[in-house]
């Protein structure tokens, strides 16, 4: 299953983890008072949450678009398969009718050769 994952997913996961670790390192190593630090952590947390919600909304919208496109393509493929099946059925009917004609014609020829008696 892991073989089929897209490399972009790994990139974005690493990007987010690196970004969060960078923010935390910057916050904890900055010379600030506890009150300022808590305020900044709250602000950065709000930013990260806002960014996460935007990414989720974008991904959700894109997923819906992909699903709709897949449904449309499935409908088109079904229509094409139905057309091909109808054509194949029609050709099969024609071949059977042609074969029955040939068989009926050969039976008449045999009756003519034997004086009207079936062989």
PDB file of N, CA and C in Angstrom:
ATOM      1  N   UNK A   1       0.825  -1.181   0.000  1.00  0.00           N
ATOM      2  CA  UNK A   1       0.000   0.000   0.000  1.00  0.00           C
ATOM      3  C   UNK A   1       0.873   1.249   0.000  1.00  0.00           C
ATOM      4  N   UNK A   2       1.970   1.209   0.760  1.00  0.00           N
ATOM      5  CA  UNK A   2       2.842   2.365   0.845  1.00  0.00           C
ATOM      6  C   UNK A   2       3.513   2.653  -0.494  1.00  0.00           C
ATOM      7  N   UNK A   3       3.637   1.640  -1.336  1.00  0.00           N
ATOM      8  CA  UNK A   3       4.261   1.826  -2.641  1.00  0.00           C
ATOM      9  C   UNK A   3       3.426   2.720  -3.539  1.00  0.00           C
ATOM     10  N   UNK A   4       2.111   2.799  -3.301  1.00  0.00           N
ATOM     11  CA  UNK A   4       1.214   3.540  -4.174  1.00  0.00           C
ATOM     12  C   UNK A   4       0.978   4.972  -3.708  1.00  0.00           C
ATOM     13  N   UNK A   5       1.561   5.374  -2.570  1.00  0.00           N
ATOM     14  CA  UNK A   5       1.368   6.728  -2.085  1.00  0.00           C
ATOM     15  C   UNK A   5       2.118   7.709  -2.980  1.00  0.00           C
ATOM     16  N   UNK A   6       1.564   8.889  -3.102  1.00  0.00           N
ATOM     17  CA  UNK A   6       2.178   9.903  -3.945  1.00  0.00           C
ATOM     18  C   UNK A   6       3.297  10.598  -3.180  1.00  0.00           C
ATOM     19  N   UNK A   7       4.384  10.944  -3.866  1.00  0.00           N
ATOM     20  CA  UNK A   7       5.490  11.623  -3.185  1.00  0.00           C
ATOM     21  C   UNK A   7       5.099  13.001  -2.662  1.00  0.00           C
ATOM     22  N   UNK A   8       4.089  13.643  -3.278  1.00  0.00           N
ATOM     23  CA  UNK A   8       3.661  14.952  -2.802  1.00  0.00           C
ATOM     24  C   UNK A   8       3.116  14.842  -1.385  1.00  0.00           C
ATOM     25  N   UNK A   9       2.461  13.733  -1.061  1.00  0.00           N
ATOM     26  CA  UNK A   9       1.921  13.536   0.283  1.00  0.00           C
ATOM     27  C   UNK A   9       3.026  13.494   1.309  1.00  0.00           C
ATOM     28  N   UNK A  10       4.118  12.836   0.985  1.00  0.00           N
ATOM     29  CA  UNK A  10       5.260  12.776   1.896  1.00  0.00           C
ATOM     30  C   UNK A  10       5.878  14.163   2.051  1.00  0.00           C
ATOM     31  N   UNK A  11       5.957  14.885   0.967  1.00  0.00           N
ATOM     32  CA  UNK A  11       6.542  16.229   1.017  1.00  0.00           C
ATOM     33  C   UNK A  11       5.729  17.122   1.940  1.00  0.00           C
ATOM     34  N   UNK A  12       4.401  17.148   1.752  1.00  0.00           N
ATOM     35  CA  UNK A  12       3.563  18.022   2.552  1.00  0.00           C
ATOM     36  C   UNK A  12       3.554  17.601   4.017  1.00  0.00           C
ATOM     37  N   UNK A  13       3.591  16.308   4.277  1.00  0.00           N
ATOM     38  CA  UNK A  13       3.651  15.835   5.658  1.00  0.00           C
ATOM     39  C   UNK A  13       4.944  16.318   6.308  1.00  0.00           C
ATOM     40  N   UNK A  14       6.051  16.135   5.614  1.00  0.00           N
ATOM     41  CA  UNK A  14       7.331  16.613   6.136  1.00  0.00           C
ATOM     42  C   UNK A  14       7.357  18.118   6.296  1.00  0.00           C
ATOM     43  N   UNK A  15       6.737  18.814   5.353  1.00  0.00           N
ATOM     44  CA  UNK A  15       6.677  20.270   5.403  1.00  0.00           C
ATOM     45  C   UNK A  15       5.959  20.729   6.666  1.00  0.00           C
ATOM     46  N   UNK A  16       4.816  20.112   6.949  1.00  0.00           N
ATOM     47  CA  UNK A  16       4.029  20.504   8.122  1.00  0.00           C
ATOM     48  C   UNK A  16       4.755  20.156   9.413  1.00  0.00           C
ATOM     49  N   UNK A  17       5.324  18.977   9.474  1.00  0.00           N
ATOM     50  CA  UNK A  17       6.038  18.588  10.687  1.00  0.00           C
ATOM     51  C   UNK A  17       7.233  19.509  10.906  1.00  0.00           C
ATOM     52  N   UNK A  18       7.977  19.782   9.847  1.00  0.00           N
ATOM     53  CA  UNK A  18       9.116  20.694   9.958  1.00  0.00           C
ATOM     54  C   UNK A  18       8.686  22.091  10.359  1.00  0.00           C
ATOM     55  N   UNK A  19       7.600  22.554   9.787  1.00  0.00           N
ATOM     56  CA  UNK A  19       7.092  23.889  10.123  1.00  0.00           C
ATOM     57  C   UNK A  19       6.693  23.989  11.584  1.00  0.00           C
ATOM     58  N   UNK A  20       5.992  22.978  12.058  1.00  0.00           N
ATOM     59  CA  UNK A  20       5.560  22.982  13.460  1.00  0.00           C
ATOM     60  C   UNK A  20       6.770  22.924  14.394  1.00  0.00           C
ATOM     61  N   UNK A  21       7.723  22.059  14.078  1.00  0.00           N
ATOM     62  CA  UNK A  21       8.928  21.968  14.912  1.00  0.00           C
ATOM     63  C   UNK A  21       9.711  23.280  14.885  1.00  0.00           C
ATOM     64  N   UNK A  22       9.774  23.915  13.734  1.00  0.00           N
ATOM     65  CA  UNK A  22      10.460  25.199  13.629  1.00  0.00           C
ATOM     66  C   UNK A  22       9.781  26.270  14.455  1.00  0.00           C
ATOM     67  N   UNK A  23       8.471  26.296  14.420  1.00  0.00           N
ATOM     68  CA  UNK A  23       7.721  27.275  15.213  1.00  0.00           C
ATOM     69  C   UNK A  23       7.972  27.040  16.704  1.00  0.00           C
ATOM     70  N   UNK A  24       7.873  25.777  17.116  1.00  0.00           N
ATOM     71  CA  UNK A  24       8.097  25.465  18.530  1.00  0.00           C
ATOM     72  C   UNK A  24       9.512  25.819  18.965  1.00  0.00           C
ATOM     73  N   UNK A  25      10.500  25.509  18.135  1.00  0.00           N
ATOM     74  CA  UNK A  25      11.886  25.840  18.477  1.00  0.00           C
ATOM     75  C   UNK A  25      12.046  27.353  18.600  1.00  0.00           C
ATOM     76  N   UNK A  26      11.476  28.095  17.672  1.00  0.00           N
ATOM     77  CA  UNK A  26      11.564  29.555  17.715  1.00  0.00           C
ATOM     78  C   UNK A  26      10.901  30.126  18.947  1.00  0.00           C
ATOM     79  N   UNK A  27       9.774  29.552  19.320  1.00  0.00           N
ATOM     80  CA  UNK A  27       9.044  30.054  20.488  1.00  0.00           C
ATOM     81  C   UNK A  27       9.825  29.769  21.770  1.00  0.00           C
ATOM     82  N   UNK A  28      10.310  28.552  21.920  1.00  0.00           N
ATOM     83  CA  UNK A  28      10.956  28.166  23.173  1.00  0.00           C
ATOM     84  C   UNK A  28      12.363  28.736  23.339  1.00  0.00           C
ATOM     85  N   UNK A  29      13.016  29.070  22.255  1.00  0.00           N
ATOM     86  CA  UNK A  29      14.361  29.615  22.370  1.00  0.00           C
ATOM     87  C   UNK A  29      14.386  31.140  22.330  1.00  0.00           C
ATOM     88  N   UNK A  30      13.248  31.752  22.137  1.00  0.00           N
ATOM     89  CA  UNK A  30      13.182  33.210  22.114  1.00  0.00           C
ATOM     90  C   UNK A  30      13.176  33.734  23.553  1.00  0.00           C
ATOM     91  N   UNK A  31      13.931  34.779  23.814  1.00  0.00           N
ATOM     92  CA  UNK A  31      13.954  35.323  25.185  1.00  0.00           C
ATOM     93  C   UNK A  31      12.720  36.187  25.460  1.00  0.00           C
ATOM     94  N   UNK A  32      11.670  35.567  26.005  1.00  0.00           N
ATOM     95  CA  UNK A  32      10.427  36.284  26.283  1.00  0.00           C
ATOM     96  C   UNK A  32       9.920  35.870  27.654  1.00  0.00           C
ATOM     97  N   UNK A  33       9.034  36.688  28.189  1.00  0.00           N
ATOM     98  CA  UNK A  33       8.427  36.350  29.470  1.00  0.00           C
ATOM     99  C   UNK A  33       7.377  35.264  29.277  1.00  0.00           C
ATOM    100  N   UNK A  34       6.961  34.642  30.340  1.00  0.00           N
ATOM    101  CA  UNK A  34       5.964  33.573  30.278  1.00  0.00           C
ATOM    102  C   UNK A  34       4.650  34.039  29.675  1.00  0.00           C
ATOM    103  N   UNK A  35       4.232  35.248  30.052  1.00  0.00           N
ATOM    104  CA  UNK A  35       2.967  35.789  29.551  1.00  0.00           C
ATOM    105  C   UNK A  35       3.047  35.999  28.035  1.00  0.00           C
ATOM    106  N   UNK A  36       4.120  36.590  27.595  1.00  0.00           N
ATOM    107  CA  UNK A  36       4.311  36.824  26.154  1.00  0.00           C
ATOM    108  C   UNK A  36       4.410  35.493  25.402  1.00  0.00           C
ATOM    109  N   UNK A  37       5.104  34.545  26.003  1.00  0.00           N
ATOM    110  CA  UNK A  37       5.282  33.238  25.376  1.00  0.00           C
ATOM    111  C   UNK A  37       3.936  32.522  25.215  1.00  0.00           C
ATOM    112  N   UNK A  38       3.120  32.540  26.281  1.00  0.00           N
ATOM    113  CA  UNK A  38       1.789  31.903  26.203  1.00  0.00           C
ATOM    114  C   UNK A  38       0.920  32.587  25.153  1.00  0.00           C
ATOM    115  N   UNK A  39       1.012  33.899  25.090  1.00  0.00           N
ATOM    116  CA  UNK A  39       0.241  34.663  24.112  1.00  0.00           C
ATOM    117  C   UNK A  39       0.677  34.302  22.693  1.00  0.00           C
ATOM    118  N   UNK A  40       1.966  34.211  22.492  1.00  0.00           N
ATOM    119  CA  UNK A  40       2.478  33.871  21.157  1.00  0.00           C
ATOM    120  C   UNK A  40       2.118  32.430  20.778  1.00  0.00           C
ATOM    121  N   UNK A  41       2.192  31.517  21.758  1.00  0.00           N
ATOM    122  CA  UNK A  41       1.812  30.121  21.486  1.00  0.00           C
ATOM    123  C   UNK A  41       0.345  30.054  21.073  1.00  0.00           C
ATOM    124  N   UNK A  42      -0.488  30.795  21.780  1.00  0.00           N
ATOM    125  CA  UNK A  42      -1.918  30.819  21.449  1.00  0.00           C
ATOM    126  C   UNK A  42      -2.136  31.380  20.044  1.00  0.00           C
ATOM    127  N   UNK A  43      -1.432  32.454  19.722  1.00  0.00           N
ATOM    128  CA  UNK A  43      -1.556  33.077  18.397  1.00  0.00           C
ATOM    129  C   UNK A  43      -1.089  32.128  17.295  1.00  0.00           C
ATOM    130  N   UNK A  44       0.066  31.509  17.501  1.00  0.00           N
ATOM    131  CA  UNK A  44       0.592  30.573  16.492  1.00  0.00           C
ATOM    132  C   UNK A  44      -0.323  29.364  16.356  1.00  0.00           C
ATOM    133  N   UNK A  45      -0.860  28.894  17.477  1.00  0.00           N
ATOM    134  CA  UNK A  45      -1.799  27.773  17.430  1.00  0.00           C
ATOM    135  C   UNK A  45      -3.039  28.120  16.616  1.00  0.00           C
ATOM    136  N   UNK A  46      -3.519  29.338  16.800  1.00  0.00           N
ATOM    137  CA  UNK A  46      -4.684  29.800  16.032  1.00  0.00           C
ATOM    138  C   UNK A  46      -4.363  29.859  14.538  1.00  0.00           C
ATOM    139  N   UNK A  47      -3.148  30.335  14.210  1.00  0.00           N
ATOM    140  CA  UNK A  47      -2.738  30.401  12.807  1.00  0.00           C
ATOM    141  C   UNK A  47      -2.657  29.004  12.187  1.00  0.00           C
ATOM    142  N   UNK A  48      -2.054  28.089  12.937  1.00  0.00           N
ATOM    143  CA  UNK A  48      -1.925  26.718  12.436  1.00  0.00           C
ATOM    144  C   UNK A  48      -3.307  26.096  12.242  1.00  0.00           C
ATOM    145  N   UNK A  49      -4.208  26.317  13.190  1.00  0.00           N
ATOM    146  CA  UNK A  49      -5.568  25.788  13.078  1.00  0.00           C
ATOM    147  C   UNK A  49      -6.284  26.383  11.862  1.00  0.00           C
ATOM    148  N   UNK A  50      -6.125  27.691  11.666  1.00  0.00           N
ATOM    149  CA  UNK A  50      -6.741  28.362  10.512  1.00  0.00           C
ATOM    150  C   UNK A  50      -6.186  27.791   9.212  1.00  0.00           C
ATOM    151  N   UNK A  51      -4.864  27.624   9.139  1.00  0.00           N
ATOM    152  CA  UNK A  51      -4.244  27.052   7.942  1.00  0.00           C
ATOM    153  C   UNK A  51      -4.729  25.624   7.703  1.00  0.00           C
ATOM    154  N   UNK A  52      -4.830  24.871   8.776  1.00  0.00           N
ATOM    155  CA  UNK A  52      -5.304  23.494   8.661  1.00  0.00           C
ATOM    156  C   UNK A  52      -6.733  23.436   8.127  1.00  0.00           C
ATOM    157  N   UNK A  53      -7.584  24.333   8.610  1.00  0.00           N
ATOM    158  CA  UNK A  53      -8.969  24.382   8.132  1.00  0.00           C
ATOM    159  C   UNK A  53      -9.025  24.753   6.650  1.00  0.00           C
ATOM    160  N   UNK A  54      -8.167  25.685   6.232  1.00  0.00           N
ATOM    161  CA  UNK A  54      -8.127  26.069   4.816  1.00  0.00           C
ATOM    162  C   UNK A  54      -7.678  24.899   3.946  1.00  0.00           C
ATOM    163  N   UNK A  55      -6.656  24.214   4.399  1.00  0.00           N
ATOM    164  CA  UNK A  55      -6.158  23.062   3.640  1.00  0.00           C
ATOM    165  C   UNK A  55      -7.231  21.983   3.561  1.00  0.00           C
ATOM    166  N   UNK A  56      -7.919  21.745   4.672  1.00  0.00           N
ATOM    167  CA  UNK A  56      -8.988  20.745   4.683  1.00  0.00           C
ATOM    168  C   UNK A  56     -10.097  21.141   3.710  1.00  0.00           C
ATOM    169  N   UNK A  57     -10.478  22.409   3.723  1.00  0.00           N
ATOM    170  CA  UNK A  57     -11.543  22.881   2.824  1.00  0.00           C
ATOM    171  C   UNK A  57     -11.119  22.718   1.366  1.00  0.00           C
ATOM    172  N   UNK A  58      -9.871  23.088   1.055  1.00  0.00           N
ATOM    173  CA  UNK A  58      -9.370  22.943  -0.308  1.00  0.00           C
ATOM    174  C   UNK A  58      -9.332  21.477  -0.730  1.00  0.00           C
ATOM    175  N   UNK A  59      -8.844  20.625   0.161  1.00  0.00           N
ATOM    176  CA  UNK A  59      -8.761  19.191  -0.151  1.00  0.00           C
ATOM    177  C   UNK A  59     -10.152  18.600  -0.315  1.00  0.00           C
ATOM    178  N   UNK A  60     -11.073  19.024   0.519  1.00  0.00           N
ATOM    179  CA  UNK A  60     -12.443  18.531   0.429  1.00  0.00           C
ATOM    180  C   UNK A  60     -13.087  18.937  -0.900  1.00  0.00           C
ATOM    181  N   UNK A  61     -12.899  20.184  -1.281  1.00  0.00           N
ATOM    182  CA  UNK A  61     -13.437  20.670  -2.556  1.00  0.00           C
ATOM    183  C   UNK A  61     -12.827  19.908  -3.722  1.00  0.00           C
ATOM    184  N   UNK A  62     -11.534  19.726  -3.676  1.00  0.00           N
ATOM    185  CA  UNK A  62     -10.843  19.002  -4.759  1.00  0.00           C
ATOM    186  C   UNK A  62     -11.310  17.544  -4.815  1.00  0.00           C
ATOM    187  N   UNK A  63     -11.489  16.933  -3.664  1.00  0.00           N
ATOM    188  CA  UNK A  63     -11.960  15.540  -3.621  1.00  0.00           C
ATOM    189  C   UNK A  63     -13.350  15.435  -4.244  1.00  0.00           C
ATOM    190  N   UNK A  64     -14.214  16.387  -3.951  1.00  0.00           N
ATOM    191  CA  UNK A  64     -15.562  16.383  -4.528  1.00  0.00           C
ATOM    192  C   UNK A  64     -15.491  16.522  -6.050  1.00  0.00           C
ATOM    193  N   UNK A  65     -14.603  17.402  -6.522  1.00  0.00           N
ATOM    194  CA  UNK A  65     -14.436  17.574  -7.970  1.00  0.00           C
ATOM    195  C   UNK A  65     -13.952  16.280  -8.615  1.00  0.00           C
ATOM    196  N   UNK A  66     -13.002  15.623  -7.983  1.00  0.00           N
ATOM    197  CA  UNK A  66     -12.466  14.365  -8.520  1.00  0.00           C
ATOM    198  C   UNK A  66     -13.553  13.300  -8.553  1.00  0.00           C
ATOM    199  N   UNK A  67     -14.356  13.228  -7.502  1.00  0.00           N
ATOM    200  CA  UNK A  67     -15.435  12.241  -7.451  1.00  0.00           C
ATOM    201  C   UNK A  67     -16.447  12.505  -8.559  1.00  0.00           C
ATOM    202  N   UNK A  68     -16.821  13.761  -8.746  1.00  0.00           N
ATOM    203  CA  UNK A  68     -17.785  14.094  -9.803  1.00  0.00           C
ATOM    204  C   UNK A  68     -17.224  13.745 -11.184  1.00  0.00           C
ATOM    205  N   UNK A  69     -15.952  14.030 -11.410  1.00  0.00           N
ATOM    206  CA  UNK A  69     -15.323  13.702 -12.690  1.00  0.00           C
ATOM    207  C   UNK A  69     -15.302  12.180 -12.895  1.00  0.00           C
ATOM    208  N   UNK A  70     -15.000  11.448 -11.836  1.00  0.00           N
ATOM    209  CA  UNK A  70     -14.978   9.983 -11.932  1.00  0.00           C
ATOM    210  C   UNK A  70     -16.372   9.448 -12.248  1.00  0.00           C
ATOM    211  N   UNK A  71     -17.394  10.014 -11.627  1.00  0.00           N
ATOM    212  CA  UNK A  71     -18.778   9.594 -11.915  1.00  0.00           C
ATOM    213  C   UNK A  71     -19.119   9.863 -13.382  1.00  0.00           C
ATOM    214  N   UNK A  72     -18.725  11.042 -13.857  1.00  0.00           N
ATOM    215  CA  UNK A  72     -19.004  11.406 -15.253  1.00  0.00           C
ATOM    216  C   UNK A  72     -18.310  10.426 -16.208  1.00  0.00           C
ATOM    217  N   UNK A  73     -17.040  10.138 -15.941  1.00  0.00           N
ATOM    218  CA  UNK A  73     -16.300   9.208 -16.796  1.00  0.00           C
ATOM    219  C   UNK A  73     -16.908   7.809 -16.732  1.00  0.00           C
ATOM    220  N   UNK A  74     -17.363   7.398 -15.556  1.00  0.00           N
ATOM    221  CA  UNK A  74     -17.990   6.081 -15.428  1.00  0.00           C
ATOM    222  C   UNK A  74     -19.272   6.011 -16.260  1.00  0.00           C
ATOM    223  N   UNK A  75     -20.050   7.075 -16.247  1.00  0.00           N
ATOM    224  CA  UNK A  75     -21.277   7.112 -17.058  1.00  0.00           C
ATOM    225  C   UNK A  75     -20.941   7.005 -18.543  1.00  0.00           C
ATOM    226  N   UNK A  76     -19.927   7.757 -18.959  1.00  0.00           N
ATOM    227  CA  UNK A  76     -19.533   7.714 -20.371  1.00  0.00           C
ATOM    228  C   UNK A  76     -19.035   6.324 -20.768  1.00  0.00           C
ATOM    229  N   UNK A  77     -18.249   5.702 -19.901  1.00  0.00           N
ATOM    230  CA  UNK A  77     -17.766   4.350 -20.194  1.00  0.00           C
ATOM    231  C   UNK A  77     -18.914   3.352 -20.263  1.00  0.00           C
ATOM    232  N   UNK A  78     -19.895   3.504 -19.376  1.00  0.00           N
ATOM    233  CA  UNK A  78     -21.053   2.609 -19.394  1.00  0.00           C
ATOM    234  C   UNK A  78     -21.840   2.781 -20.691  1.00  0.00           C
ATOM    235  N   UNK A  79     -22.023   4.044 -21.120  1.00  0.00           N
ATOM    236  CA  UNK A  79     -22.730   4.290 -22.379  1.00  0.00           C
ATOM    237  C   UNK A  79     -21.999   3.629 -23.541  1.00  0.00           C
ATOM    238  N   UNK A  80     -20.685   3.785 -23.564  1.00  0.00           N
ATOM    239  CA  UNK A  80     -19.892   3.196 -24.645  1.00  0.00           C
ATOM    240  C   UNK A  80     -19.976   1.667 -24.604  1.00  0.00           C
ATOM    241  N   UNK A  81     -19.914   1.096 -23.418  1.00  0.00           N
ATOM    242  CA  UNK A  81     -20.013  -0.362 -23.286  1.00  0.00           C
ATOM    243  C   UNK A  81     -21.387  -0.846 -23.737  1.00  0.00           C
ATOM    244  N   UNK A  82     -22.432  -0.101 -23.394  1.00  0.00           N
ATOM    245  CA  UNK A  82     -23.779  -0.474 -23.831  1.00  0.00           C
ATOM    246  C   UNK A  82     -23.899  -0.415 -25.355  1.00  0.00           C
ATOM    247  N   UNK A  83     -23.311   0.616 -25.963  1.00  0.00           N
ATOM    248  CA  UNK A  83     -23.343   0.720 -27.428  1.00  0.00           C
ATOM    249  C   UNK A  83     -22.608  -0.459 -28.064  1.00  0.00           C
ATOM    250  N   UNK A  84     -21.420  -0.765 -27.531  1.00  0.00           N
ATOM    251  CA  UNK A  84     -20.642  -1.885 -28.074  1.00  0.00           C
ATOM    252  C   UNK A  84     -21.388  -3.204 -27.912  1.00  0.00           C
ATOM    253  N   UNK A  85     -22.050  -3.385 -26.774  1.00  0.00           N
ATOM    254  CA  UNK A  85     -22.814  -4.609 -26.548  1.00  0.00           C
ATOM    255  C   UNK A  85     -23.985  -4.705 -27.524  1.00  0.00           C
ATOM    256  N   UNK A  86     -24.671  -3.597 -27.745  1.00  0.00           N
ATOM    257  CA  UNK A  86     -25.796  -3.596 -28.683  1.00  0.00           C
ATOM    258  C   UNK A  86     -25.310  -3.925 -30.102  1.00  0.00           C
ATOM    259  N   UNK A  87     -24.179  -3.346 -30.491  1.00  0.00           N
ATOM    260  CA  UNK A  87     -23.620  -3.640 -31.815  1.00  0.00           C
ATOM    261  C   UNK A  87     -23.233  -5.113 -31.928  1.00  0.00           C
ATOM    262  N   UNK A  88     -22.633  -5.653 -30.897  1.00  0.00           N
ATOM    263  CA  UNK A  88     -22.227  -7.063 -30.915  1.00  0.00           C
ATOM    264  C   UNK A  88     -23.451  -7.977 -30.995  1.00  0.00           C
ATOM    265  N   UNK A  89     -24.495  -7.628 -30.268  1.00  0.00           N
ATOM    266  CA  UNK A  89     -25.728  -8.432 -30.332  1.00  0.00           C
ATOM    267  C   UNK A  89     -26.323  -8.395 -31.742  1.00  0.00           C
ATOM    268  N   UNK A  90     -26.323  -7.191 -32.339  1.00  0.00           N
ATOM    269  CA  UNK A  90     -26.880  -7.053 -33.680  1.00  0.00           C
ATOM    270  C   UNK A  90     -26.070  -7.871 -34.678  1.00  0.00           C
ATOM    271  N   UNK A  91     -24.752  -7.813 -34.590  1.00  0.00           N
ATOM    272  CA  UNK A  91     -23.909  -8.588 -35.493  1.00  0.00           C
ATOM    273  C   UNK A  91     -24.131 -10.081 -35.294  1.00  0.00           C
ATOM    274  N   UNK A  92     -24.293 -10.502 -34.048  1.00  0.00           N
ATOM    275  CA  UNK A  92     -24.535 -11.921 -33.771  1.00  0.00           C
ATOM    276  C   UNK A  92     -25.863 -12.360 -34.394  1.00  0.00           C
ATOM    277  N   UNK A  93     -26.885 -11.525 -34.282  1.00  0.00           N
ATOM    278  CA  UNK A  93     -28.189 -11.843 -34.887  1.00  0.00           C
ATOM    279  C   UNK A  93     -28.062 -11.969 -36.407  1.00  0.00           C
ATOM    280  N   UNK A  94     -27.303 -11.037 -37.002  1.00  0.00           N
ATOM    281  CA  UNK A  94     -27.114 -11.075 -38.453  1.00  0.00           C
ATOM    282  C   UNK A  94     -26.381 -12.346 -38.873  1.00  0.00           C
ATOM    283  N   UNK A  95     -25.368 -12.714 -38.136  1.00  0.00           N
ATOM    284  CA  UNK A  95     -24.604 -13.921 -38.456  1.00  0.00           C
ATOM    285  C   UNK A  95     -25.486 -15.153 -38.315  1.00  0.00           C
ATOM    286  N   UNK A  96     -26.285 -15.219 -37.258  1.00  0.00           N
ATOM    287  CA  UNK A  96     -27.191 -16.358 -37.072  1.00  0.00           C
ATOM    288  C   UNK A  96     -28.221 -16.420 -38.195  1.00  0.00           C
ATOM    289  N   UNK A  97     -28.775 -15.269 -38.566  1.00  0.00           N
ATOM    290  CA  UNK A  97     -29.766 -15.245 -39.639  1.00  0.00           C
ATOM    291  C   UNK A  97     -29.134 -15.694 -40.947  1.00  0.00           C
ATOM    292  N   UNK A  98     -27.922 -15.233 -41.220  1.00  0.00           N
ATOM    293  CA  UNK A  98     -27.221 -15.621 -42.427  1.00  0.00           C
ATOM    294  C   UNK A  98     -26.936 -17.139 -42.416  1.00  0.00           C
ATOM    295  N   UNK A  99     -26.535 -17.649 -41.270  1.00  0.00           N
ATOM    296  CA  UNK A  99     -26.269 -19.091 -41.154  1.00  0.00           C
ATOM    297  C   UNK A  99     -27.530 -19.905 -41.339  1.00  0.00           C
ATOM    298  N   UNK A 100     -28.637 -19.438 -40.797  1.00  0.00           N
ATOM    299  CA  UNK A 100     -29.905 -20.158 -40.956  1.00  0.00           C
ATOM    300  C   UNK A 100     -30.351 -20.143 -42.414  1.00  0.00           C
ATOM    301  N   UNK A 101     -30.131 -19.004 -43.113  1.00  0.00           N
ATOM    302  CA  UNK A 101     -30.462 -18.920 -44.535  1.00  0.00           C
ATOM    303  C   UNK A 101     -29.648 -19.933 -45.326  1.00  0.00           C
ATOM    304  N   UNK A 102     -28.352 -19.977 -45.043  1.00  0.00           N
ATOM    305  CA  UNK A 102     -27.480 -20.907 -45.757  1.00  0.00           C
ATOM    306  C   UNK A 102     -27.903 -22.346 -45.494  1.00  0.00           C
ATOM    307  N   UNK A 103     -28.258 -22.627 -44.253  1.00  0.00           N
ATOM    308  CA  UNK A 103     -28.679 -23.990 -43.913  1.00  0.00           C
ATOM    309  C   UNK A 103     -29.985 -24.342 -44.615  1.00  0.00           C
ATOM    310  N   UNK A 104     -30.907 -23.397 -44.664  1.00  0.00           N
ATOM    311  CA  UNK A 104     -32.185 -23.642 -45.341  1.00  0.00           C
ATOM    312  C   UNK A 104     -31.941 -23.826 -46.838  1.00  0.00           C
ATOM    313  N   UNK A 105     -31.040 -23.047 -47.405  1.00  0.00           N
ATOM    314  CA  UNK A 105     -30.720 -23.168 -48.823  1.00  0.00           C
ATOM    315  C   UNK A 105     -30.050 -24.501 -49.123  1.00  0.00           C
ATOM    316  N   UNK A 106     -29.204 -24.985 -48.266  1.00  0.00           N
ATOM    317  CA  UNK A 106     -28.537 -26.265 -48.516  1.00  0.00           C
ATOM    318  C   UNK A 106     -29.521 -27.411 -48.347  1.00  0.00           C
ATOM    319  N   UNK A 107     -30.500 -27.278 -47.447  1.00  0.00           N
ATOM    320  CA  UNK A 107     -31.519 -28.327 -47.295  1.00  0.00           C
ATOM    321  C   UNK A 107     -32.387 -28.418 -48.546  1.00  0.00           C
ATOM    322  N   UNK A 108     -32.714 -27.279 -49.138  1.00  0.00           N
ATOM    323  CA  UNK A 108     -33.525 -27.286 -50.358  1.00  0.00           C
ATOM    324  C   UNK A 108     -32.742 -27.923 -51.504  1.00  0.00           C
ATOM    325  N   UNK A 109     -31.455 -27.660 -51.582  1.00  0.00           N
ATOM    326  CA  UNK A 109     -30.625 -28.241 -52.628  1.00  0.00           C
ATOM    327  C   UNK A 109     -30.579 -29.757 -52.469  1.00  0.00           C
ATOM    328  N   UNK A 110     -30.469 -30.230 -51.244  1.00  0.00           N
ATOM    329  CA  UNK A 110     -30.437 -31.673 -51.006  1.00  0.00           C
ATOM    330  C   UNK A 110     -31.758 -32.313 -51.386  1.00  0.00           C
ATOM    331  N   UNK A 111     -32.887 -31.642 -51.106  1.00  0.00           N
ATOM    332  CA  UNK A 111     -34.190 -32.185 -51.475  1.00  0.00           C
ATOM    333  C   UNK A 111     -34.324 -32.256 -52.988  1.00  0.00           C
ATOM    334  N   UNK A 112     -33.782 -31.257 -53.681  1.00  0.00           N
ATOM    335  CA  UNK A 112     -33.838 -31.245 -55.134  1.00  0.00           C
ATOM    336  C   UNK A 112     -33.021 -32.352 -55.724  1.00  0.00           C
ATOM    337  N   UNK A 113     -31.907 -32.719 -55.120  1.00  0.00           N
ATOM    338  CA  UNK A 113     -31.025 -33.773 -55.615  1.00  0.00           C
ATOM    339  C   UNK A 113     -31.631 -35.149 -55.379  1.00  0.00           C
ATOM    340  N   UNK A 114     -32.471 -35.288 -54.347  1.00  0.00           N
ATOM    341  CA  UNK A 114     -32.997 -36.599 -54.010  1.00  0.00           C
ATOM    342  C   UNK A 114     -34.442 -36.778 -54.462  1.00  0.00           C
ATOM    343  N   UNK A 115     -34.927 -35.891 -55.260  1.00  0.00           N
ATOM    344  CA  UNK A 115     -36.282 -36.002 -55.785  1.00  0.00           C
ATOM    345  C   UNK A 115     -37.320 -35.561 -54.779  1.00  0.00           C
ATOM    346  N   UNK A 116     -36.998 -34.635 -53.903  1.00  0.00           N
ATOM    347  CA  UNK A 116     -37.982 -34.130 -52.962  1.00  0.00           C
ATOM    348  C   UNK A 116     -37.992 -34.872 -51.652  1.00  0.00           C
ATOM    349  N   UNK A 117     -37.216 -35.937 -51.521  1.00  0.00           N
ATOM    350  CA  UNK A 117     -37.166 -36.689 -50.273  1.00  0.00           C
ATOM    351  C   UNK A 117     -36.024 -36.152 -49.434  1.00  0.00           C
ATOM    352  N   UNK A 118     -36.260 -36.104 -48.135  1.00  0.00           N
ATOM    353  CA  UNK A 118     -35.220 -35.641 -47.232  1.00  0.00           C
ATOM    354  C   UNK A 118     -34.174 -36.706 -47.061  1.00  0.00           C
ATOM    355  N   UNK A 119     -32.969 -36.305 -46.852  1.00  0.00           N
ATOM    356  CA  UNK A 119     -31.870 -37.262 -46.687  1.00  0.00           C
ATOM    357  C   UNK A 119     -31.540 -37.404 -45.244  1.00  0.00           C
TER     358      UNK A 119
END
